[in-house]
Protein backbone atom coordinates (compact mmCIF):
# COMPACT_ATOMS: atom_id res chain seq x y z
CA MET A 1 -46.14 34.55 -69.60
CA ASP A 2 -49.46 35.92 -68.39
CA ASP A 3 -49.93 39.28 -66.72
CA GLN A 4 -49.69 37.89 -63.18
CA GLY A 5 -46.48 36.08 -63.94
CA ARG A 6 -45.06 39.11 -65.68
CA GLU A 7 -45.86 41.24 -62.63
CA LEU A 8 -44.22 38.76 -60.24
CA TRP A 9 -41.17 38.48 -62.40
CA THR A 10 -40.79 42.23 -62.81
CA LYS A 11 -40.99 42.72 -59.04
CA ALA A 12 -38.46 39.95 -58.40
CA LEU A 13 -36.01 41.47 -60.85
CA ARG A 14 -36.56 44.89 -59.32
CA ASP A 15 -35.89 43.54 -55.84
CA ALA A 16 -32.81 41.72 -57.08
CA SER A 17 -31.40 44.87 -58.63
CA THR A 18 -31.36 46.48 -55.18
CA ASP A 19 -29.74 43.44 -53.54
CA SER A 20 -26.17 42.88 -54.61
CA GLU A 21 -26.12 39.36 -53.04
CA ALA A 22 -29.00 38.05 -55.22
CA VAL A 23 -27.54 35.91 -57.98
CA ALA A 24 -30.35 33.61 -59.11
CA ILE A 25 -34.13 34.03 -59.64
CA ALA A 26 -36.66 31.68 -61.21
CA LEU A 27 -40.43 31.40 -61.41
CA PHE A 28 -41.94 27.86 -61.61
CA GLU A 29 -45.32 26.40 -62.39
CA ARG A 30 -46.57 23.62 -60.10
CA ASP A 31 -45.55 21.01 -62.65
CA GLY A 32 -41.93 22.23 -62.53
CA THR A 33 -42.07 24.23 -65.76
CA VAL A 34 -39.84 27.30 -65.66
CA VAL A 35 -41.87 30.40 -66.40
CA ALA A 36 -38.82 32.67 -66.26
CA ALA A 37 -35.26 32.55 -65.00
CA ASN A 38 -32.47 35.10 -64.89
CA ARG A 39 -28.97 34.37 -66.08
CA GLY A 40 -27.75 33.22 -62.67
CA MET A 41 -30.56 30.68 -62.16
CA HIS A 42 -30.43 29.72 -65.83
CA SER A 43 -26.84 28.60 -65.26
CA LEU A 44 -27.59 26.79 -61.98
CA LEU A 45 -30.60 24.92 -63.37
CA ARG A 46 -28.84 24.19 -66.67
CA LEU A 47 -31.95 24.91 -68.65
CA ASP A 48 -30.16 23.94 -71.85
CA ASP A 49 -29.94 20.24 -71.06
CA ASP A 50 -32.73 17.70 -71.41
CA HIS A 51 -33.43 17.14 -67.71
CA PRO A 52 -36.38 18.89 -66.07
CA PRO A 53 -35.06 21.81 -63.99
CA SER A 54 -37.14 20.71 -61.00
CA LEU A 55 -34.95 17.58 -60.67
CA ARG A 56 -31.97 19.74 -59.78
CA PHE A 57 -33.52 20.60 -56.43
CA GLN A 58 -31.64 18.31 -54.05
CA THR A 59 -32.35 19.86 -50.63
CA PRO A 60 -35.19 20.52 -50.32
CA ARG A 61 -36.64 18.75 -53.30
CA PHE A 62 -39.11 20.51 -55.57
CA GLU A 63 -41.97 18.24 -54.54
CA THR A 64 -41.21 19.07 -50.90
CA LEU A 65 -41.62 22.75 -51.64
CA LEU A 66 -44.97 22.01 -53.36
CA ALA A 67 -46.12 20.03 -50.32
CA SER A 68 -45.69 23.07 -48.10
CA PRO A 69 -48.82 24.83 -46.75
CA ALA A 70 -51.09 25.88 -49.60
CA GLN A 71 -51.53 29.52 -48.59
CA ASP A 72 -49.53 32.20 -50.34
CA GLY A 73 -46.34 33.47 -48.74
CA VAL A 74 -42.96 32.09 -47.76
CA VAL A 75 -42.81 28.27 -47.93
CA PHE A 76 -39.06 27.91 -47.45
CA GLU A 77 -36.19 30.07 -46.25
CA GLY A 78 -32.70 28.77 -45.62
CA LEU A 79 -29.91 26.85 -47.32
CA MET A 80 -30.87 25.21 -50.62
CA THR A 81 -28.71 22.77 -52.57
CA LEU A 82 -29.04 22.55 -56.36
CA GLY A 83 -27.33 19.95 -58.53
CA GLY A 84 -27.65 16.74 -60.51
CA ASP A 85 -27.45 13.16 -59.37
CA ALA A 86 -23.80 12.91 -60.37
CA GLU A 87 -22.61 16.14 -58.72
CA ILE A 88 -22.81 17.83 -55.35
CA GLY A 89 -23.95 21.12 -56.86
CA VAL A 90 -24.01 24.45 -55.08
CA THR A 91 -25.59 25.71 -51.89
CA LEU A 92 -27.49 29.00 -51.80
CA ARG A 93 -29.18 31.08 -49.20
CA ALA A 94 -32.65 30.92 -50.74
CA ARG A 95 -36.24 31.95 -50.23
CA VAL A 96 -39.23 30.28 -51.89
CA THR A 97 -42.60 32.03 -51.93
CA ARG A 98 -45.96 30.75 -53.20
CA HIS A 99 -48.10 32.94 -55.42
CA GLY A 100 -51.17 30.99 -56.33
CA ASP A 101 -50.01 28.05 -58.46
CA ARG A 102 -46.53 29.42 -58.93
CA LEU A 103 -43.31 29.23 -56.85
CA LEU A 104 -40.82 32.07 -56.92
CA VAL A 105 -37.29 31.00 -55.99
CA THR A 106 -34.82 33.72 -55.08
CA GLY A 107 -31.30 32.53 -54.34
CA GLU A 108 -28.61 34.66 -52.80
CA GLN A 109 -24.85 34.17 -53.03
CA ASP A 110 -23.28 30.73 -53.43
CA VAL A 111 -22.25 29.66 -49.92
CA THR A 112 -20.80 26.32 -50.98
CA GLU A 113 -17.25 27.53 -50.48
CA HIS A 114 -18.18 29.08 -47.16
CA LEU A 115 -19.66 25.79 -46.03
CA ARG A 116 -16.57 23.91 -47.15
CA LEU A 117 -14.34 26.36 -45.34
CA GLY A 118 -16.62 26.11 -42.33
CA ARG A 119 -16.32 22.34 -42.35
CA GLU A 120 -12.55 22.61 -42.68
CA LEU A 121 -12.48 25.14 -39.84
CA LEU A 122 -14.57 22.82 -37.71
CA THR A 123 -12.19 19.96 -38.49
CA LEU A 124 -9.21 22.15 -37.66
CA ASN A 125 -10.86 23.23 -34.42
CA GLN A 126 -11.45 19.60 -33.53
CA GLU A 127 -7.81 18.79 -34.32
CA VAL A 128 -6.67 21.76 -32.25
CA ASN A 129 -8.86 20.63 -29.37
CA THR A 130 -7.45 17.11 -29.69
CA LEU A 131 -3.91 18.48 -29.71
CA GLN A 132 -4.70 20.65 -26.69
CA ARG A 133 -6.02 17.64 -24.79
CA GLU A 134 -2.94 15.63 -25.77
CA LEU A 135 -0.70 18.52 -24.73
CA ILE A 136 -2.49 18.71 -21.39
CA LYS A 137 -1.99 14.97 -20.91
CA GLU A 138 1.65 15.25 -21.92
CA LYS A 139 2.09 18.17 -19.54
CA GLN A 140 0.48 16.22 -16.71
CA LEU A 141 2.69 13.24 -17.54
CA LEU A 142 5.73 15.50 -17.63
CA VAL A 143 4.78 17.02 -14.27
CA ARG A 144 4.33 13.55 -12.76
CA THR A 145 7.61 12.39 -14.29
CA LEU A 146 9.38 15.47 -12.96
CA HIS A 147 7.83 14.86 -9.55
CA ASP A 148 8.94 11.22 -9.65
CA LEU A 149 12.45 12.26 -10.70
CA GLN A 150 12.63 14.80 -7.89
CA LYS A 151 11.41 12.17 -5.45
CA ALA A 152 13.93 9.66 -6.80
CA ASN A 153 16.70 12.25 -6.53
CA ARG A 154 15.73 12.96 -2.93
CA GLN A 155 15.72 9.25 -2.19
CA LEU A 156 19.10 8.81 -3.88
CA GLN A 157 20.47 11.72 -1.87
CA GLU A 158 19.07 10.20 1.31
CA VAL A 159 20.62 6.84 0.45
CA SER A 160 23.92 8.57 -0.35
CA ASP A 161 23.81 10.39 2.97
CA GLN A 162 22.97 7.13 4.74
CA LYS A 163 25.85 5.38 3.00
CA ASP A 164 28.21 8.15 4.08
CA ARG A 165 27.00 7.87 7.65
CA PHE A 166 27.33 4.10 7.50
CA LEU A 167 30.87 4.29 6.17
CA GLY A 168 31.74 6.55 9.06
CA ILE A 169 30.12 4.19 11.55
CA ALA A 170 31.62 1.08 9.91
CA ALA A 171 35.07 2.64 9.80
CA HIS A 172 34.80 3.59 13.46
CA ASP A 173 33.42 0.20 14.49
CA LEU A 174 36.04 -1.70 12.51
CA ARG A 175 38.94 0.49 13.58
CA SER A 176 38.60 -0.28 17.27
CA PRO A 177 38.50 -4.11 17.01
CA LEU A 178 41.21 -4.05 14.32
CA ALA A 179 43.40 -1.96 16.59
CA SER A 180 42.68 -4.40 19.40
CA VAL A 181 43.57 -7.41 17.24
CA SER A 182 46.70 -5.70 15.99
CA GLY A 183 47.81 -4.68 19.48
CA TYR A 184 47.28 -8.08 21.07
CA ALA A 185 48.86 -9.82 18.08
CA LYS A 186 51.97 -7.67 18.46
CA LEU A 187 52.00 -8.44 22.17
CA LEU A 188 51.87 -12.17 21.50
CA LEU A 189 54.57 -11.91 18.83
CA ALA A 190 56.88 -9.90 21.05
CA LYS A 191 59.56 -11.69 23.00
CA ILE A 192 58.05 -10.47 26.25
CA PRO A 193 57.30 -13.47 28.48
CA LEU A 194 53.56 -13.81 29.33
CA ASP A 195 51.98 -16.11 31.84
CA ALA A 196 49.11 -18.39 30.87
CA ASP A 197 46.38 -16.00 32.08
CA ALA A 198 47.78 -13.04 30.13
CA THR A 199 48.04 -15.12 26.99
CA THR A 200 44.48 -16.40 27.42
CA ASN A 201 43.15 -12.86 27.96
CA ALA A 202 44.93 -11.64 24.84
CA LEU A 203 43.51 -14.46 22.75
CA ARG A 204 40.00 -13.87 24.10
CA ALA A 205 40.28 -10.17 23.30
CA ILE A 206 41.30 -11.05 19.75
CA GLU A 207 38.37 -13.49 19.52
CA ARG A 208 35.88 -10.85 20.73
CA ALA A 209 37.23 -8.26 18.30
CA ALA A 210 37.08 -10.73 15.41
CA ALA A 211 33.51 -11.73 16.34
CA LYS A 212 32.48 -8.07 16.40
CA MET A 213 33.97 -7.45 12.96
CA LEU A 214 32.43 -10.65 11.61
CA HIS A 215 29.01 -9.60 12.91
CA LEU A 216 29.30 -6.22 11.18
CA VAL A 217 30.41 -7.82 7.90
CA ASN A 218 27.57 -10.36 8.08
CA GLU A 219 25.03 -7.57 8.57
CA LEU A 220 26.42 -5.72 5.59
CA LEU A 221 26.27 -8.88 3.47
CA ASP A 222 22.66 -9.50 4.54
CA ILE A 223 21.66 -5.97 3.53
CA THR A 224 23.38 -6.46 0.17
CA LYS A 225 21.55 -9.76 -0.44
CA ILE A 226 18.22 -8.25 0.53
CA GLU A 227 18.72 -5.18 -1.68
CA SER A 228 19.74 -7.35 -4.66
CA GLY A 229 16.86 -9.80 -4.12
CA THR A 230 19.15 -12.79 -3.65
CA LEU A 231 18.27 -13.54 -0.03
CA GLU A 232 16.26 -16.76 -0.13
CA LEU A 233 14.08 -18.19 2.63
CA THR A 234 13.84 -21.84 3.60
CA ILE A 235 10.26 -22.23 4.79
CA GLU A 236 9.47 -25.30 6.88
CA ASP A 237 7.21 -26.53 9.67
CA VAL A 238 8.65 -25.35 12.98
CA SER A 239 7.83 -26.61 16.49
CA LEU A 240 7.23 -23.36 18.40
CA PRO A 241 8.02 -24.67 21.93
CA SER A 242 11.38 -26.08 20.77
CA PHE A 243 12.15 -23.01 18.69
CA VAL A 244 11.45 -20.56 21.52
CA GLU A 245 13.40 -22.69 24.02
CA SER A 246 16.46 -22.61 21.76
CA ILE A 247 16.20 -18.80 21.59
CA LEU A 248 16.08 -18.62 25.40
CA VAL A 249 19.02 -20.98 25.86
CA LEU A 250 21.24 -18.95 23.54
CA ASN A 251 20.29 -15.50 24.87
CA ARG A 252 19.91 -15.98 28.62
CA PRO A 253 23.69 -16.06 29.24
CA ILE A 254 24.00 -12.71 27.43
CA GLY A 255 21.37 -11.20 29.72
CA ALA A 256 22.94 -12.75 32.79
CA ALA A 257 26.07 -10.68 32.21
CA LYS A 258 23.93 -7.59 32.95
CA GLU A 259 21.74 -9.39 35.54
CA ILE A 260 18.76 -9.14 33.16
CA GLU A 261 16.18 -11.93 33.26
CA LEU A 262 14.75 -13.30 30.00
CA ILE A 263 11.35 -14.97 30.33
CA SER A 264 8.82 -16.31 27.83
CA GLU A 265 5.05 -16.49 27.36
CA MET A 266 3.81 -19.06 24.88
CA SER A 267 0.53 -19.16 22.95
CA ASP A 268 -1.50 -22.32 22.38
CA ALA A 269 -0.05 -22.62 18.85
CA THR A 270 2.49 -25.44 18.69
CA GLU A 271 3.57 -25.30 15.04
CA TRP A 272 3.99 -22.68 12.29
CA ARG A 273 5.64 -22.39 8.89
CA PHE A 274 8.59 -20.00 8.48
CA ASP A 275 12.35 -19.90 7.98
CA PRO A 276 13.65 -20.77 11.48
CA ALA A 277 17.19 -19.50 10.87
CA ARG A 278 16.03 -16.09 9.65
CA VAL A 279 13.31 -15.66 12.30
CA GLU A 280 15.90 -16.62 14.92
CA GLN A 281 18.12 -13.89 13.47
CA VAL A 282 15.25 -11.38 13.92
CA LEU A 283 14.57 -12.45 17.52
CA ASP A 284 18.28 -12.49 18.45
CA ASN A 285 18.52 -8.91 17.17
CA LEU A 286 15.42 -7.72 19.03
CA ILE A 287 16.48 -9.43 22.25
CA GLY A 288 20.06 -8.17 21.86
CA ASN A 289 18.74 -4.59 21.48
CA ALA A 290 16.56 -5.08 24.55
CA PHE A 291 19.64 -6.16 26.54
CA LYS A 292 21.60 -3.24 25.15
CA PHE A 293 19.12 -0.56 26.25
CA SER A 294 17.92 -2.13 29.55
CA ASN A 295 19.27 -1.55 33.04
CA ARG A 296 20.59 -4.20 35.38
CA GLY A 297 17.99 -6.17 37.27
CA SER A 298 15.20 -5.60 34.68
CA VAL A 299 13.11 -8.23 32.89
CA ILE A 300 12.71 -8.90 29.16
CA ARG A 301 9.73 -10.92 27.95
CA LEU A 302 9.64 -12.99 24.75
CA ALA A 303 6.03 -13.83 23.91
CA THR A 304 4.09 -15.55 21.15
CA ARG A 305 0.38 -15.36 20.42
CA VAL A 306 -2.02 -15.80 17.51
CA VAL A 307 -3.70 -12.57 16.34
CA ASP A 308 -6.19 -12.61 13.44
CA ALA A 309 -4.82 -15.96 12.21
CA GLU A 310 -1.24 -14.60 12.28
CA LEU A 311 1.56 -15.64 14.60
CA GLU A 312 2.93 -12.72 16.61
CA PHE A 313 6.37 -12.67 18.24
CA SER A 314 7.05 -9.82 20.66
CA VAL A 315 10.02 -8.71 22.76
CA THR A 316 9.15 -6.35 25.61
CA ASP A 317 11.74 -4.62 27.80
CA GLN A 318 11.77 -2.24 30.75
CA GLY A 319 14.44 -0.03 29.22
CA GLN A 320 14.78 3.62 28.35
CA GLY A 321 12.31 3.70 25.49
CA ILE A 322 12.59 5.59 22.20
CA PRO A 323 11.86 9.33 21.71
CA PRO A 324 8.46 9.73 19.93
CA SER A 325 10.04 11.70 17.09
CA GLU A 326 12.39 8.79 16.33
CA VAL A 327 9.97 5.84 16.52
CA ASP A 328 8.96 5.93 12.84
CA GLY A 329 12.57 5.70 11.63
CA VAL A 330 13.93 2.87 13.77
CA PHE A 331 13.63 0.28 10.98
CA GLY A 332 15.59 2.30 8.42
CA GLU A 333 19.01 1.35 7.13
CA PHE A 334 21.98 2.91 8.96
CA THR A 335 19.61 4.45 11.50
CA GLN A 336 20.42 4.87 15.17
CA THR A 337 18.30 6.58 17.81
CA SER A 338 19.55 9.08 20.32
CA THR A 339 19.00 6.52 23.11
CA ARG A 340 22.30 5.38 24.52
CA ALA A 341 23.12 1.79 25.44
CA THR A 342 23.30 1.25 29.20
CA ALA A 343 26.73 -0.42 29.03
CA GLY A 344 28.17 1.48 26.08
CA GLU A 345 27.41 -1.23 23.51
CA LYS A 346 27.84 -0.18 19.88
CA GLY A 347 26.05 -0.99 16.66
CA ALA A 348 26.08 0.01 13.00
CA GLY A 349 22.34 0.67 12.76
CA LEU A 350 21.68 -2.22 10.40
CA GLY A 351 20.06 -4.81 12.66
CA LEU A 352 16.47 -3.51 12.72
CA ALA A 353 16.53 -2.78 8.98
CA ILE A 354 17.53 -6.41 8.38
CA CYS A 355 14.76 -7.56 10.74
CA ARG A 356 12.18 -5.54 8.81
CA ARG A 357 13.26 -6.93 5.44
CA ILE A 358 13.31 -10.55 6.68
CA VAL A 359 9.80 -10.19 8.14
CA GLU A 360 8.56 -8.59 4.91
CA LEU A 361 10.04 -11.44 2.87
CA HIS A 362 7.84 -13.74 4.97
CA GLY A 363 4.84 -11.59 4.00
CA GLY A 364 4.60 -10.13 7.51
CA LYS A 365 4.97 -6.76 9.22
CA ILE A 366 7.11 -5.50 12.10
CA ALA A 367 6.37 -2.58 14.42
CA VAL A 368 7.31 -1.03 17.75
CA GLU A 369 5.45 0.55 20.67
CA SER A 370 7.61 2.61 22.99
CA GLU A 371 7.36 5.04 25.88
CA GLN A 372 10.37 6.89 27.20
CA GLY A 373 11.28 5.85 30.72
CA VAL A 374 8.96 2.83 30.57
CA GLY A 375 10.31 0.57 27.84
CA SER A 376 9.66 -0.73 24.33
CA ARG A 377 7.70 -3.55 22.73
CA PHE A 378 8.96 -4.74 19.37
CA TYR A 379 6.66 -7.21 17.62
CA PHE A 380 6.19 -8.81 14.23
CA ARG A 381 3.51 -11.04 12.74
CA LEU A 382 3.86 -13.92 10.28
CA PRO A 383 0.99 -14.97 7.99
CA SER A 384 -1.04 -18.08 8.60
CA PRO A 385 0.53 -21.28 7.21
CA ASP A 386 -2.57 -21.64 5.02
CA ALA A 387 -2.27 -18.14 3.56
């Protein structure tokens, strides 16, 4: 080693002795020859084997360090990886300085383990972040599920309350006609002589009571079919003039009993596709309600028209109307408004709910417009036959 090299090496060793983290020092010629190396670098470069020490520079490579700017001074400072082709080697915090044609490499502590731990920590952090995101998703799902369960519980409670109300209404509505049937039946079975008129009146009373009970049972059966999805429609081409005329013929006598006139207004449409029996059921219910809540001498109008390629049926009365706060709920099951029938007629609150479900099964919608003291307009629309 010449004097310049000896001076560089002495200074490097002196600096290393004051730096407890310095573990490896080596001085190289430009051709990769090791001028001097301490024990730490001697071990890292494996100077005892047959491979040139400069080949153990993996990152950066020795030739890269030589290609750095030619002036003296620091040519590299950072993490340096040393090792052979068949091994990963070690990573040092290193500094490489140029001194003429020589490179002085000073490596501090081996940070390989720190890097490995850092990579593991990064992986763990990523896994933790992933778990946190999954937990957030699970929490959101749990919150939504809890919300849905609470909503379902409220709906079940509402249905239960409605069922209880219905049972009360049904029991009340069935008790009166049953009592009537029982009373008149006992009268007819008694050995009390009755004239022809009295016998006829008793039989008619029994018939009316039975019809009322049958109507209530039929409504309940319809609701059950609709809820279970077993109510089937029979869609066919229907002549509108004939269909509407049959509705008028059947319902006008009912209105006549209260001196209520039933009139019609027809659209230009002459034919449409729907289930005539079920649509007749809807119209009979709407017209029956109009009779129920209208005063003597008023007029009820049954109209048809085509709106946006849909057929609209409407029933308009001059009755009492519905309170604004109750309009939205008129089509619910077991629902009755506070409006009282003008002749004391009774109902179980199922008719409009059945109407709504029948119209919806046709793919249509039903609605009501009402003003207290003026009257109500119930209407529903059926899709185009081509839809």
